[in-house]
C-alpha atoms as a PDB file:
ATOM      1  CA  MET A   1      13.072 -21.242 -12.118  1.00  0.00           C
ATOM      2  CA  ASP A   2       9.632 -22.602 -11.342  1.00  0.00           C
ATOM      3  CA  ASP A   3      11.935 -24.199  -8.445  1.00  0.00           C
ATOM      4  CA  PHE A   4      12.959 -20.928  -7.094  1.00  0.00           C
ATOM      5  CA  ALA A   5       9.751 -19.138  -7.520  1.00  0.00           C
ATOM      6  CA  ILE A   6       8.217 -21.433  -4.961  1.00  0.00           C
ATOM      7  CA  PHE A   7      11.117 -21.097  -2.956  1.00  0.00           C
ATOM      8  CA  LEU A   8      10.398 -17.451  -2.862  1.00  0.00           C
ATOM      9  CA  ALA A   9       7.020 -17.859  -2.126  1.00  0.00           C
ATOM     10  CA  VAL A  10       7.556 -19.982   0.521  1.00  0.00           C
ATOM     11  CA  PHE A  11      10.588 -17.284   1.659  1.00  0.00           C
ATOM     12  CA  ARG A  12       8.085 -14.552   1.516  1.00  0.00           C
ATOM     13  CA  GLY A  13       5.019 -16.238   3.355  1.00  0.00           C
ATOM     14  CA  GLN A  14       6.924 -17.387   6.123  1.00  0.00           C
ATOM     15  CA  GLY A  15       5.748 -20.831   5.317  1.00  0.00           C
ATOM     16  CA  PHE A  16       4.552 -23.657   3.215  1.00  0.00           C
ATOM     17  CA  ARG A  17       1.183 -23.877   3.236  1.00  0.00           C
ATOM     18  CA  ALA A  18       1.065 -19.601   2.922  1.00  0.00           C
ATOM     19  CA  ALA A  19       2.926 -20.354  -0.755  1.00  0.00           C
ATOM     20  CA  ALA A  20       0.864 -23.252  -1.543  1.00  0.00           C
ATOM     21  CA  LYS A  21      -2.246 -20.752  -1.233  1.00  0.00           C
ATOM     22  CA  THR A  22      -0.236 -17.981  -3.024  1.00  0.00           C
ATOM     23  CA  LEU A  23       0.710 -20.700  -5.759  1.00  0.00           C
ATOM     24  CA  GLY A  24      -2.658 -22.810  -6.112  1.00  0.00           C
ATOM     25  CA  LEU A  25      -0.230 -25.825  -4.675  1.00  0.00           C
ATOM     26  CA  ALA A  26      -0.979 -28.489  -2.692  1.00  0.00           C
ATOM     27  CA  PRO A  27       1.536 -27.762   0.624  1.00  0.00           C
ATOM     28  CA  SER A  28       3.016 -31.501   0.148  1.00  0.00           C
ATOM     29  CA  THR A  29       4.494 -30.273  -3.758  1.00  0.00           C
ATOM     30  CA  ILE A  30       5.737 -27.029  -2.160  1.00  0.00           C
ATOM     31  CA  SER A  31       7.333 -29.352   0.665  1.00  0.00           C
ATOM     32  CA  GLU A  32       8.886 -31.605  -1.945  1.00  0.00           C
ATOM     33  CA  ARG A  33      10.069 -29.057  -4.485  1.00  0.00           C
ATOM     34  CA  ILE A  34      11.911 -27.086  -1.738  1.00  0.00           C
ATOM     35  CA  THR A  35      13.265 -30.580  -1.061  1.00  0.00           C
ATOM     36  CA  ALA A  36      14.726 -31.039  -4.213  1.00  0.00           C
ATOM     37  CA  LEU A  37      15.785 -28.016  -4.779  1.00  0.00           C
ATOM     38  CA  GLU A  38      18.349 -28.565  -1.141  1.00  0.00           C
ATOM     39  CA  VAL A  39      19.377 -31.431  -2.702  1.00  0.00           C
ATOM     40  CA  SER A  40      20.199 -29.853  -6.093  1.00  0.00           C
ATOM     41  CA  LEU A  41      22.185 -27.169  -4.268  1.00  0.00           C
ATOM     42  CA  GLY A  42      23.683 -29.082  -1.181  1.00  0.00           C
ATOM     43  CA  VAL A  43      22.474 -26.877   1.292  1.00  0.00           C
ATOM     44  CA  PRO A  44      19.508 -26.544   3.268  1.00  0.00           C
ATOM     45  CA  LEU A  45      17.627 -23.540   2.819  1.00  0.00           C
ATOM     46  CA  PHE A  46      14.960 -23.825   5.450  1.00  0.00           C
ATOM     47  CA  ILE A  47      14.856 -25.454   9.252  1.00  0.00           C
ATOM     48  CA  ARG A  48      11.245 -26.953   9.828  1.00  0.00           C
ATOM     49  CA  THR A  49       9.514 -27.502  13.135  1.00  0.00           C
ATOM     50  CA  THR A  50       5.873 -28.578  13.713  1.00  0.00           C
ATOM     51  CA  ARG A  51       5.393 -24.580  14.373  1.00  0.00           C
ATOM     52  CA  SER A  52       7.345 -22.447  11.985  1.00  0.00           C
ATOM     53  CA  VAL A  53       9.535 -23.259   8.732  1.00  0.00           C
ATOM     54  CA  THR A  54      12.783 -20.252   9.570  1.00  0.00           C
ATOM     55  CA  PRO A  55      15.402 -19.572   6.361  1.00  0.00           C
ATOM     56  CA  THR A  56      18.677 -20.559   7.157  1.00  0.00           C
ATOM     57  CA  GLU A  57      21.743 -18.112   6.376  1.00  0.00           C
ATOM     58  CA  ALA A  58      22.006 -19.962   2.856  1.00  0.00           C
ATOM     59  CA  GLY A  59      18.512 -19.436   2.097  1.00  0.00           C
ATOM     60  CA  ARG A  60      18.103 -15.781   3.121  1.00  0.00           C
ATOM     61  CA  MET A  61      21.337 -15.397   0.804  1.00  0.00           C
ATOM     62  CA  LEU A  62      19.694 -17.113  -1.777  1.00  0.00           C
ATOM     63  CA  ALA A  63      16.489 -15.000  -1.281  1.00  0.00           C
ATOM     64  CA  LYS A  64      18.013 -11.825  -1.471  1.00  0.00           C
ATOM     65  CA  ARG A  65      20.271 -12.603  -4.946  1.00  0.00           C
ATOM     66  CA  MET A  66      17.132 -14.627  -6.331  1.00  0.00           C
ATOM     67  CA  ALA A  67      14.311 -11.640  -5.750  1.00  0.00           C
ATOM     68  CA  PRO A  68      15.779  -9.322  -8.606  1.00  0.00           C
ATOM     69  CA  LEU A  69      16.709 -11.709 -11.481  1.00  0.00           C
ATOM     70  CA  LEU A  70      13.223 -13.564 -11.281  1.00  0.00           C
ATOM     71  CA  SER A  71      11.871 -10.019 -11.456  1.00  0.00           C
ATOM     72  CA  GLU A  72      14.104  -9.181 -14.219  1.00  0.00           C
ATOM     73  CA  MET A  73      13.380 -12.427 -15.903  1.00  0.00           C
ATOM     74  CA  ARG A  74       9.492 -11.750 -15.253  1.00  0.00           C
ATOM     75  CA  SER A  75      10.419  -8.141 -17.425  1.00  0.00           C
ATOM     76  CA  VAL A  76      12.165  -9.907 -20.141  1.00  0.00           C
ATOM     77  CA  MET A  77       9.164 -12.382 -20.782  1.00  0.00           C
ATOM     78  CA  ASN A  78       7.032  -9.645 -20.540  1.00  0.00           C
ATOM     79  CA  ASP A  79       8.828  -7.335 -23.256  1.00  0.00           C
ATOM     80  CA  VAL A  80       8.831 -10.333 -25.816  1.00  0.00           C
ATOM     81  CA  ALA A  81       5.115 -11.007 -24.957  1.00  0.00           C
ATOM     82  CA  SER A  82       4.827  -7.522 -25.931  1.00  0.00           C
ATOM     83  CA  SER A  83       6.780  -6.987 -28.696  1.00  0.00           C
ATOM     84  CA  GLN A  84       4.003  -6.727 -30.974  1.00  0.00           C
ATOM     85  CA  ARG A  85       1.526  -3.941 -30.912  1.00  0.00           C
ATOM     86  CA  GLU A  86      -0.574  -4.903 -28.012  1.00  0.00           C
ATOM     87  CA  VAL A  87       0.763  -4.852 -24.663  1.00  0.00           C
ATOM     88  CA  ARG A  88       0.353  -8.164 -22.289  1.00  0.00           C
ATOM     89  CA  GLY A  89       1.691 -10.024 -19.433  1.00  0.00           C
ATOM     90  CA  LEU A  90       1.200  -9.145 -15.901  1.00  0.00           C
ATOM     91  CA  LEU A  91       2.197  -5.895 -13.945  1.00  0.00           C
ATOM     92  CA  ARG A  92       2.326  -6.545  -9.916  1.00  0.00           C
ATOM     93  CA  LEU A  93       2.169  -3.541  -7.796  1.00  0.00           C
ATOM     94  CA  ASN A  94       2.889  -3.357  -3.702  1.00  0.00           C
ATOM     95  CA  VAL A  95       0.534  -0.270  -2.805  1.00  0.00           C
ATOM     96  CA  THR A  96      -0.220   0.958   0.530  1.00  0.00           C
ATOM     97  CA  GLY A  97      -4.189   1.109   1.387  1.00  0.00           C
ATOM     98  CA  ALA A  98      -4.674   4.625   1.394  1.00  0.00           C
ATOM     99  CA  VAL A  99      -4.662   5.044  -2.590  1.00  0.00           C
ATOM    100  CA  MET A 100      -6.979   1.674  -2.521  1.00  0.00           C
ATOM    101  CA  VAL A 101      -9.687   4.090  -1.166  1.00  0.00           C
ATOM    102  CA  ASP A 102     -10.420   6.685  -4.228  1.00  0.00           C
ATOM    103  CA  ILE A 103      -6.795   7.307  -6.104  1.00  0.00           C
ATOM    104  CA  LEU A 104      -5.815   4.211  -7.563  1.00  0.00           C
ATOM    105  CA  PRO A 105      -9.251   2.354  -8.582  1.00  0.00           C
ATOM    106  CA  PRO A 106      -9.988   4.911 -11.093  1.00  0.00           C
ATOM    107  CA  LEU A 107      -6.681   5.087 -12.325  1.00  0.00           C
ATOM    108  CA  LEU A 108      -6.576   1.205 -13.090  1.00  0.00           C
ATOM    109  CA  GLU A 109      -9.956   1.346 -14.846  1.00  0.00           C
ATOM    110  CA  GLN A 110      -8.568   3.660 -17.614  1.00  0.00           C
ATOM    111  CA  PHE A 111      -5.176   1.925 -17.439  1.00  0.00           C
ATOM    112  CA  LEU A 112      -7.050  -1.624 -18.225  1.00  0.00           C
ATOM    113  CA  ASP A 113      -9.712  -0.136 -20.730  1.00  0.00           C
ATOM    114  CA  ARG A 114      -6.616   1.047 -22.938  1.00  0.00           C
ATOM    115  CA  HIS A 115      -4.555  -2.281 -22.427  1.00  0.00           C
ATOM    116  CA  PRO A 116      -7.219  -4.908 -23.072  1.00  0.00           C
ATOM    117  CA  LEU A 117      -4.560  -8.242 -23.010  1.00  0.00           C
ATOM    118  CA  LEU A 118      -2.558  -6.932 -19.633  1.00  0.00           C
ATOM    119  CA  ARG A 119      -3.153  -7.945 -16.301  1.00  0.00           C
ATOM    120  CA  VAL A 120      -2.990  -6.109 -13.175  1.00  0.00           C
ATOM    121  CA  GLU A 121      -2.188  -7.956  -9.606  1.00  0.00           C
ATOM    122  CA  ILE A 122      -2.150  -5.787  -6.243  1.00  0.00           C
ATOM    123  CA  MET A 123      -0.611  -6.706  -3.167  1.00  0.00           C
ATOM    124  CA  VAL A 124      -1.906  -3.868  -0.679  1.00  0.00           C
ATOM    125  CA  ASP A 125       0.562  -3.702   2.623  1.00  0.00           C
ATOM    126  CA  ASP A 126       1.228  -0.642   4.656  1.00  0.00           C
ATOM    127  CA  ARG A 127       4.427  -2.054   5.726  1.00  0.00           C
ATOM    128  CA  LEU A 128       7.368  -0.037   4.388  1.00  0.00           C
ATOM    129  CA  VAL A 129       8.452  -3.260   2.266  1.00  0.00           C
ATOM    130  CA  ASP A 130      10.821  -3.120  -0.615  1.00  0.00           C
ATOM    131  CA  ALA A 131       8.065  -3.829  -3.289  1.00  0.00           C
ATOM    132  CA  THR A 132      10.812  -5.210  -5.859  1.00  0.00           C
ATOM    133  CA  ALA A 133      12.176  -7.386  -2.717  1.00  0.00           C
ATOM    134  CA  GLU A 134       8.571  -8.972  -2.599  1.00  0.00           C
ATOM    135  CA  GLY A 135       8.312  -9.521  -6.025  1.00  0.00           C
ATOM    136  CA  CYS A 136       6.353  -6.668  -7.529  1.00  0.00           C
ATOM    137  CA  ASP A 137       6.995  -4.396 -10.722  1.00  0.00           C
ATOM    138  CA  ALA A 138       6.980  -1.481  -8.496  1.00  0.00           C
ATOM    139  CA  GLY A 139       5.458   0.077  -5.345  1.00  0.00           C
ATOM    140  CA  ILE A 140       3.105   3.002  -4.341  1.00  0.00           C
ATOM    141  CA  ARG A 141       4.108   5.172  -1.264  1.00  0.00           C
ATOM    142  CA  TYR A 142       4.199   8.432  -0.337  1.00  0.00           C
ATOM    143  CA  GLY A 143       7.065  10.822  -0.884  1.00  0.00           C
ATOM    144  CA  GLU A 144       8.531   9.850   2.896  1.00  0.00           C
ATOM    145  CA  HIS A 145       8.329   6.216   2.656  1.00  0.00           C
ATOM    146  CA  LEU A 146       9.975   6.553  -0.951  1.00  0.00           C
ATOM    147  CA  ALA A 147      12.877   3.545  -1.152  1.00  0.00           C
ATOM    148  CA  ARG A 148      16.353   4.790  -2.108  1.00  0.00           C
ATOM    149  CA  ASP A 149      17.926   4.981  -5.411  1.00  0.00           C
ATOM    150  CA  SER A 150      14.654   4.855  -7.205  1.00  0.00           C
ATOM    151  CA  VAL A 151      12.735   6.509  -9.876  1.00  0.00           C
ATOM    152  CA  ALA A 152       9.300   8.225  -8.755  1.00  0.00           C
ATOM    153  CA  VAL A 153       6.338   8.995 -10.958  1.00  0.00           C
ATOM    154  CA  PRO A 154       3.634  10.827  -9.161  1.00  0.00           C
ATOM    155  CA  VAL A 155       0.287   9.094  -8.783  1.00  0.00           C
ATOM    156  CA  GLY A 156      -2.735  11.033  -8.075  1.00  0.00           C
ATOM    157  CA  PRO A 157      -3.346  14.519  -6.419  1.00  0.00           C
ATOM    158  CA  ARG A 158       0.580  15.921  -5.364  1.00  0.00           C
ATOM    159  CA  ARG A 159      -0.936  17.606  -2.027  1.00  0.00           C
ATOM    160  CA  GLN A 160      -3.156  15.737   0.499  1.00  0.00           C
ATOM    161  CA  ARG A 161      -4.441  16.683   3.981  1.00  0.00           C
ATOM    162  CA  LEU A 162      -5.079  14.823   7.190  1.00  0.00           C
ATOM    163  CA  ALA A 163      -8.246  16.434   8.063  1.00  0.00           C
ATOM    164  CA  LEU A 164     -10.351  15.734  11.769  1.00  0.00           C
ATOM    165  CA  ALA A 165     -14.106  15.042  11.301  1.00  0.00           C
ATOM    166  CA  ALA A 166     -17.505  14.080  13.406  1.00  0.00           C
ATOM    167  CA  ALA A 167     -20.712  13.706  13.343  1.00  0.00           C
ATOM    168  CA  PRO A 168     -23.232  17.025  13.509  1.00  0.00           C
ATOM    169  CA  ASP A 169     -25.311  14.921  16.814  1.00  0.00           C
ATOM    170  CA  TYR A 170     -21.482  14.492  18.372  1.00  0.00           C
ATOM    171  CA  LEU A 171     -20.486  17.912  18.244  1.00  0.00           C
ATOM    172  CA  ALA A 172     -23.828  19.265  19.479  1.00  0.00           C
ATOM    173  CA  SER A 173     -23.532  17.171  22.543  1.00  0.00           C
ATOM    174  CA  ARG A 174     -19.886  17.151  23.198  1.00  0.00           C
ATOM    175  CA  GLY A 175     -18.856  20.739  21.982  1.00  0.00           C
ATOM    176  CA  LEU A 176     -16.737  22.079  18.410  1.00  0.00           C
ATOM    177  CA  PRO A 177     -12.639  22.118  20.277  1.00  0.00           C
ATOM    178  CA  VAL A 178     -11.171  25.218  19.568  1.00  0.00           C
ATOM    179  CA  HIS A 179      -7.711  23.634  19.494  1.00  0.00           C
ATOM    180  CA  PRO A 180      -5.785  20.305  18.736  1.00  0.00           C
ATOM    181  CA  THR A 181      -4.913  20.324  22.799  1.00  0.00           C
ATOM    182  CA  ALA A 182      -8.367  20.144  23.338  1.00  0.00           C
ATOM    183  CA  LEU A 183      -8.779  16.545  21.474  1.00  0.00           C
ATOM    184  CA  ALA A 184      -7.796  14.845  24.571  1.00  0.00           C
ATOM    185  CA  GLU A 185     -11.196  15.852  26.295  1.00  0.00           C
ATOM    186  CA  HIS A 186     -13.195  14.127  23.401  1.00  0.00           C
ATOM    187  CA  HIS A 187     -13.966  10.346  22.205  1.00  0.00           C
ATOM    188  CA  CYS A 188     -11.380   9.969  19.335  1.00  0.00           C
ATOM    189  CA  ILE A 189     -11.100   7.076  16.664  1.00  0.00           C
ATOM    190  CA  ARG A 190      -7.314   6.076  16.166  1.00  0.00           C
ATOM    191  CA  LEU A 191      -5.870   4.417  13.549  1.00  0.00           C
ATOM    192  CA  LYS A 192      -2.903   2.210  13.776  1.00  0.00           C
ATOM    193  CA  TYR A 193      -0.720   0.550  11.194  1.00  0.00           C
ATOM    194  CA  SER A 194      -0.113  -3.739  11.270  1.00  0.00           C
ATOM    195  CA  SER A 195       2.973  -2.871  12.947  1.00  0.00           C
ATOM    196  CA  GLY A 196       0.889  -1.442  16.028  1.00  0.00           C
ATOM    197  CA  ALA A 197       1.904   2.343  15.642  1.00  0.00           C
ATOM    198  CA  LEU A 198      -0.689   4.656  15.901  1.00  0.00           C
ATOM    199  CA  ILE A 199      -0.950   6.990  12.958  1.00  0.00           C
ATOM    200  CA  PRO A 200       0.626  10.260  14.448  1.00  0.00           C
ATOM    201  CA  TRP A 201      -2.067  13.370  15.070  1.00  0.00           C
ATOM    202  CA  GLU A 202      -0.029  16.310  14.315  1.00  0.00           C
ATOM    203  CA  PHE A 203      -1.487  19.357  13.507  1.00  0.00           C
ATOM    204  CA  GLU A 204      -0.261  23.018  12.313  1.00  0.00           C
ATOM    205  CA  ARG A 205      -1.140  26.593  11.548  1.00  0.00           C
ATOM    206  CA  ASN A 206       1.045  29.411  11.247  1.00  0.00           C
ATOM    207  CA  GLY A 207       4.021  28.126  11.913  1.00  0.00           C
ATOM    208  CA  GLU A 208       2.469  25.922  14.869  1.00  0.00           C
ATOM    209  CA  THR A 209       3.025  22.681  15.145  1.00  0.00           C
ATOM    210  CA  VAL A 210       0.894  20.407  17.627  1.00  0.00           C
ATOM    211  CA  SER A 211       1.304  16.953  18.339  1.00  0.00           C
ATOM    212  CA  VAL A 212      -1.538  15.316  20.403  1.00  0.00           C
ATOM    213  CA  ASN A 213      -1.610  11.667  21.009  1.00  0.00           C
ATOM    214  CA  PRO A 214      -5.461  11.507  22.544  1.00  0.00           C
ATOM    215  CA  ALA A 215      -6.598   8.110  24.190  1.00  0.00           C
ATOM    216  CA  GLY A 216      -8.724   6.432  21.355  1.00  0.00           C
ATOM    217  CA  ARG A 217     -11.876   5.246  22.638  1.00  0.00           C
ATOM    218  CA  LEU A 218     -11.980   3.261  19.205  1.00  0.00           C
ATOM    219  CA  THR A 219      -8.746   2.101  17.525  1.00  0.00           C
ATOM    220  CA  ILE A 220      -9.037   0.319  14.619  1.00  0.00           C
ATOM    221  CA  GLY A 221      -6.426  -1.174  12.021  1.00  0.00           C
ATOM    222  CA  VAL A 222      -5.869   1.011   8.835  1.00  0.00           C
ATOM    223  CA  ASN A 223      -6.911  -1.537   6.697  1.00  0.00           C
ATOM    224  CA  GLY A 224     -10.436  -0.867   8.452  1.00  0.00           C
ATOM    225  CA  ALA A 225     -10.244   3.119   7.666  1.00  0.00           C
ATOM    226  CA  SER A 226     -13.498   2.517   6.073  1.00  0.00           C
ATOM    227  CA  GLY A 227     -15.487   1.130   9.242  1.00  0.00           C
ATOM    228  CA  ALA A 228     -14.027   3.746  11.104  1.00  0.00           C
ATOM    229  CA  ILE A 229     -15.399   6.637   9.051  1.00  0.00           C
ATOM    230  CA  GLU A 230     -18.979   4.642   9.268  1.00  0.00           C
ATOM    231  CA  LEU A 231     -18.617   4.803  13.073  1.00  0.00           C
ATOM    232  CA  ALA A 232     -17.392   7.856  13.212  1.00  0.00           C
ATOM    233  CA  LYS A 233     -20.667   9.081  11.557  1.00  0.00           C
ATOM    234  CA  LYS A 234     -22.552   7.326  13.995  1.00  0.00           C
ATOM    235  CA  GLY A 235     -21.729   9.637  16.203  1.00  0.00           C
ATOM    236  CA  GLN A 236     -18.847   7.311  18.176  1.00  0.00           C
ATOM    237  CA  GLY A 237     -16.130  10.096  18.333  1.00  0.00           C
ATOM    238  CA  ILE A 238     -13.776  12.609  16.088  1.00  0.00           C
ATOM    239  CA  ILE A 239     -11.590  11.005  13.429  1.00  0.00           C
ATOM    240  CA  ALA A 240      -8.779  12.141  11.556  1.00  0.00           C
ATOM    241  CA  VAL A 241      -8.139  10.541   7.902  1.00  0.00           C
ATOM    242  CA  PHE A 242      -7.329  11.481   4.567  1.00  0.00           C
ATOM    243  CA  GLU A 243      -9.403  14.838   3.852  1.00  0.00           C
ATOM    244  CA  ASN A 244     -10.264  13.164  -0.119  1.00  0.00           C
ATOM    245  CA  TRP A 245     -12.000  10.248   2.102  1.00  0.00           C
ATOM    246  CA  LEU A 246     -14.042  12.564   4.364  1.00  0.00           C
ATOM    247  CA  GLN A 247     -15.153  15.182   1.476  1.00  0.00           C
ATOM    248  CA  PRO A 248     -18.110  12.861   0.297  1.00  0.00           C
ATOM    249  CA  CYS A 249     -19.477  13.083   3.552  1.00  0.00           C
ATOM    250  CA  PHE A 250     -18.883  16.727   3.923  1.00  0.00           C
ATOM    251  CA  THR A 251     -20.749  17.491   0.814  1.00  0.00           C
ATOM    252  CA  THR A 252     -23.733  15.019   2.548  1.00  0.00           C
ATOM    253  CA  GLY A 253     -23.517  16.508   6.269  1.00  0.00           C
ATOM    254  CA  GLU A 254     -22.906  13.177   7.618  1.00  0.00           C
ATOM    255  CA  LEU A 255     -20.003  14.610   9.070  1.00  0.00           C
ATOM    256  CA  GLN A 256     -18.486  17.707  10.179  1.00  0.00           C
ATOM    257  CA  PRO A 257     -15.144  19.209   9.748  1.00  0.00           C
ATOM    258  CA  VAL A 258     -13.333  19.963  12.680  1.00  0.00           C
ATOM    259  CA  LEU A 259     -10.508  22.300  13.351  1.00  0.00           C
ATOM    260  CA  PRO A 260     -10.274  23.140   9.504  1.00  0.00           C
ATOM    261  CA  GLU A 261      -7.518  25.425   9.969  1.00  0.00           C
ATOM    262  CA  TRP A 262      -5.277  22.910  11.428  1.00  0.00           C
ATOM    263  CA  TRP A 263      -4.925  20.449   9.248  1.00  0.00           C
ATOM    264  CA  PRO A 264      -1.842  19.394   7.702  1.00  0.00           C
ATOM    265  CA  GLU A 265      -0.554  19.285   3.942  1.00  0.00           C
ATOM    266  CA  PHE A 266       1.460  16.761   2.662  1.00  0.00           C
ATOM    267  CA  GLU A 267       2.878  15.212  -0.464  1.00  0.00           C
ATOM    268  CA  GLY A 268       1.092  12.817  -2.197  1.00  0.00           C
ATOM    269  CA  PRO A 269       1.704   9.159  -3.326  1.00  0.00           C
ATOM    270  CA  TRP A 270       4.190   8.193  -6.007  1.00  0.00           C
ATOM    271  CA  LEU A 271       4.579   5.000  -7.917  1.00  0.00           C
ATOM    272  CA  TYR A 272       8.568   3.994  -7.341  1.00  0.00           C
ATOM    273  CA  PHE A 273      10.684   1.341  -9.193  1.00  0.00           C
ATOM    274  CA  PRO A 274      14.951   0.337  -9.524  1.00  0.00           C
ATOM    275  CA  SER A 275      16.166   2.135 -12.317  1.00  0.00           C
ATOM    276  CA  ARG A 276      17.767  -0.747 -13.601  1.00  0.00           C
ATOM    277  CA  PHE A 277      15.034  -2.152 -15.666  1.00  0.00           C
ATOM    278  CA  MET A 278      11.467  -1.411 -16.553  1.00  0.00           C
ATOM    279  CA  SER A 279       9.370  -4.064 -17.948  1.00  0.00           C
ATOM    280  CA  ALA A 280       6.746  -3.382 -20.636  1.00  0.00           C
ATOM    281  CA  PRO A 281       3.709  -3.487 -18.492  1.00  0.00           C
ATOM    282  CA  LEU A 282       5.228  -1.119 -16.294  1.00  0.00           C
ATOM    283  CA  ARG A 283       6.461   0.987 -18.696  1.00  0.00           C
ATOM    284  CA  ALA A 284       2.695   1.223 -20.106  1.00  0.00           C
ATOM    285  CA  PHE A 285       1.730   2.192 -16.449  1.00  0.00           C
ATOM    286  CA  VAL A 286       4.470   5.114 -16.029  1.00  0.00           C
ATOM    287  CA  ASP A 287       3.695   6.348 -19.736  1.00  0.00           C
ATOM    288  CA  PHE A 288      -0.044   6.640 -18.566  1.00  0.00           C
ATOM    289  CA  LEU A 289       0.582   8.074 -15.164  1.00  0.00           C
ATOM    290  CA  LYS A 290       2.491  10.969 -17.080  1.00  0.00           C
ATOM    291  CA  GLU A 291      -0.388  11.424 -19.743  1.00  0.00           C
ATOM    292  CA  VAL A 292      -2.733  11.802 -16.532  1.00  0.00           C
ATOM    293  CA  GLN A 293      -0.449  14.038 -14.419  1.00  0.00           C
ATOM    294  CA  SER A 294       0.188  16.077 -17.564  1.00  0.00           C
ATOM    295  CA  MET A 295      -3.816  16.688 -18.482  1.00  0.00           C
ATOM    296  CA  PRO A 296      -5.346  19.934 -17.121  1.00  0.00           C
ATOM    297  CA  GLU A 297      -7.922  19.783 -14.117  1.00  0.00           C
ATOM    298  CA  PRO A 298     -11.650  19.636 -14.948  1.00  0.00           C
ATOM    299  CA  LEU A 299     -13.468  23.310 -14.769  1.00  0.00           C
ATOM    300  CA  ASP A 300     -16.029  23.223 -12.195  1.00  0.00           C
END
């Protein structure tokens, strides 16, 4: 089973060095184990060149079949380890970076305090990958990106908004836009996914929807969102990100809301996982999330 785990690490990392870094092994050890596995199976699993490691058709088929089996085996081991009163083992989550700013960290803090023998590993990825295919117990995505045929549990706020903001000094010098189409005349800070696609700017009011695509004076990957907000605070332009990310800046006055009547609302994030099995660590996390969601909102 260790050899199959190494194989999946090479498959996901697209190379021996990436797998070695993930597993904490020497690249030569990874290569030797893969060769031994190929010999035992009687088929090549990868095509190796000086520049790349590409799975063969047999390798792709093996990865597709083995990934869920190894996940289920890990669930069985975690269940056995947690057969006593304390939950223990490893919970692996594949999450979008948006939830790592202010939604997931405080939840994890409470969850880990409740289960001190549990370990959690977070893979932050803005690609729309299948979390279980990546070797994780569950994933966290927004509603429109949920995997099919999965169980979903809400995480954090049920509704969020895409908010526009800029520094007061910038708006004093450039003027406050009165309609989304006026954003084309402003310096804009755009965010884009690792795929290269820009996060769309779509706004709505009273049933009217407006899509704008201003040329970004600054374009930054979503993993650099915190830096993009800092640049907006320095007066480099208008930014569009989650309202909850900007709320502290609105409170301090470092940023000013722009066109708040046009901010679109969308569904919050969900934890999703296959229905066919649930490990003890995942079951504990699901129960915790359901408990948190049922708590009344604190009074101001």
